Amino acid sequence: MTNQELGENVRKVRELKGFSQQNLADEIKVDQKTISRIEKGDLSPKFETLVAISKALSINLSQLLSFNESLIFNNYIQEQNGGQFVAYNNTEIEKVEELYKQLLKEKDEMIALLKAR
């Protein structure tokens, strides 16, 4: 894997997770310019930095290194069954449940904040 490919993976995952370069830099205790240089392929990060990036982005290091956006965007099968669209998503049900619970919690927190006004 080249520095350029690694940098692209970091950038894509960071953007998918909703992090700015500054957010990620703050999380792993480096400056924003370091993240920029990694993403451009100008800097080959130390192993410890890669581990910190993967932890900050809540992704396994192996997933970060082998990240393929087609696994995210094309990880479904499309079929036509009697005119009905069917899509199969390979997301683990536990992760979906976790995200749903988090969404409900955030909704409740937002309602509480609005009521407090």
Protein backbone atom coordinates (compact mmCIF):
# COMPACT_ATOMS: atom_id res chain seq x y z
CA MET A 1 0.00 0.00 0.00
CA THR A 2 1.36 3.39 -0.95
CA ASN A 3 1.27 6.48 1.25
CA GLN A 4 -1.20 7.96 -1.25
CA GLU A 5 -3.59 5.00 -0.93
CA LEU A 6 -3.33 5.03 2.86
CA GLY A 7 -3.98 8.77 2.92
CA GLU A 8 -7.05 8.37 0.73
CA ASN A 9 -8.38 5.67 3.07
CA VAL A 10 -7.88 7.92 6.10
CA ARG A 11 -9.61 10.82 4.35
CA LYS A 12 -12.56 8.75 3.14
CA VAL A 13 -13.19 7.12 6.51
CA ARG A 14 -12.72 10.44 8.32
CA GLU A 15 -15.27 12.12 6.05
CA LEU A 16 -17.74 9.22 6.33
CA LYS A 17 -17.49 9.43 10.11
CA GLY A 18 -18.13 13.18 10.01
CA PHE A 19 -14.75 14.25 11.38
CA SER A 20 -12.92 17.34 10.17
CA GLN A 21 -9.15 17.15 9.93
CA GLN A 22 -8.99 19.33 13.04
CA ASN A 23 -11.38 17.02 14.96
CA LEU A 24 -9.24 14.00 14.14
CA ALA A 25 -6.02 15.86 14.93
CA ASP A 26 -7.38 16.93 18.32
CA GLU A 27 -8.54 13.39 19.05
CA ILE A 28 -5.12 11.84 18.42
CA LYS A 29 -3.10 14.78 19.78
CA VAL A 30 -1.35 15.92 16.58
CA ASP A 31 -1.73 19.11 14.59
CA GLN A 32 -4.14 19.45 11.69
CA LYS A 33 -1.26 19.82 9.23
CA THR A 34 -0.08 16.31 10.14
CA ILE A 35 -3.49 14.87 9.21
CA SER A 36 -3.43 16.86 5.97
CA ARG A 37 0.03 15.55 5.09
CA ILE A 38 -1.02 11.94 5.86
CA GLU A 39 -4.13 12.28 3.69
CA LYS A 40 -2.14 13.76 0.80
CA GLY A 41 0.37 10.91 1.01
CA ASP A 42 3.17 13.32 1.89
CA LEU A 43 3.80 11.71 5.27
CA SER A 44 4.13 8.04 6.17
CA PRO A 45 2.58 7.81 9.65
CA LYS A 46 4.10 5.76 12.45
CA PHE A 47 2.30 2.57 13.42
CA GLU A 48 1.19 4.17 16.70
CA THR A 49 -0.37 7.06 14.77
CA LEU A 50 -2.29 4.66 12.54
CA VAL A 51 -3.57 2.82 15.60
CA ALA A 52 -4.66 6.13 17.15
CA ILE A 53 -6.41 7.18 13.92
CA SER A 54 -8.27 3.88 13.67
CA LYS A 55 -9.37 4.12 17.32
CA ALA A 56 -10.50 7.72 16.91
CA LEU A 57 -12.53 6.74 13.84
CA SER A 58 -13.94 3.63 15.57
CA ILE A 59 -12.62 1.28 12.90
CA ASN A 60 -10.22 -1.66 13.09
CA LEU A 61 -6.73 -0.93 11.81
CA SER A 62 -7.09 -3.71 9.24
CA GLN A 63 -10.34 -2.15 8.04
CA LEU A 64 -8.65 1.22 7.71
CA LEU A 65 -5.76 -0.25 5.75
CA SER A 66 -8.01 -2.25 3.45
CA PHE A 67 -10.86 0.27 3.25
CA ASN A 68 -12.80 0.09 0.04
CA GLU A 69 -15.63 2.53 -0.47
CA SER A 70 -17.42 0.05 -2.70
CA LEU A 71 -17.92 -2.08 0.42
CA ILE A 72 -19.89 0.80 1.89
CA PHE A 73 -21.78 2.02 -1.13
CA ASN A 74 -22.17 -1.16 -3.15
CA ASN A 75 -22.55 -3.74 -0.41
CA TYR A 76 -26.02 -4.72 -1.40
CA ILE A 77 -27.70 -6.82 -4.01
CA GLN A 78 -30.43 -5.35 -6.12
CA GLU A 79 -33.13 -7.51 -7.58
CA GLN A 80 -36.42 -7.02 -9.27
CA ASN A 81 -39.07 -9.34 -7.85
CA GLY A 82 -42.38 -8.72 -9.50
CA GLY A 83 -41.55 -5.04 -9.82
CA GLN A 84 -40.62 -4.79 -6.14
CA PHE A 85 -37.15 -3.47 -5.28
CA VAL A 86 -35.25 -5.57 -2.75
CA ALA A 87 -31.91 -4.48 -1.24
CA TYR A 88 -29.87 -6.64 1.11
CA ASN A 89 -27.52 -4.80 3.43
CA ASN A 90 -24.73 -6.71 5.16
CA THR A 91 -24.62 -4.40 8.19
CA GLU A 92 -24.57 -6.41 11.40
CA ILE A 93 -27.89 -6.18 13.23
CA GLU A 94 -26.12 -5.39 16.51
CA LYS A 95 -24.55 -2.30 14.94
CA VAL A 96 -27.90 -1.19 13.54
CA GLU A 97 -29.51 -1.64 16.96
CA GLU A 98 -26.67 0.29 18.63
CA LEU A 99 -27.02 3.17 16.18
CA TYR A 100 -30.81 3.20 16.60
CA LYS A 101 -30.49 3.34 20.39
CA GLN A 102 -28.01 6.18 20.08
CA LEU A 103 -30.40 8.03 17.78
CA LEU A 104 -33.25 7.60 20.26
CA LYS A 105 -31.04 8.82 23.10
CA GLU A 106 -30.02 11.90 21.12
CA LYS A 107 -33.67 12.57 20.26
CA ASP A 108 -34.62 12.39 23.95
CA GLU A 109 -31.76 14.72 24.86
CA MET A 110 -32.88 17.20 22.20
CA ILE A 111 -36.46 17.10 23.48
CA ALA A 112 -35.24 17.69 27.04
CA LEU A 113 -33.16 20.67 25.90
CA LEU A 114 -36.11 22.16 24.04
CA LYS A 115 -38.43 21.70 27.02
CA ALA A 116 -35.87 23.37 29.28
CA ARG A 117 -36.13 26.59 27.24
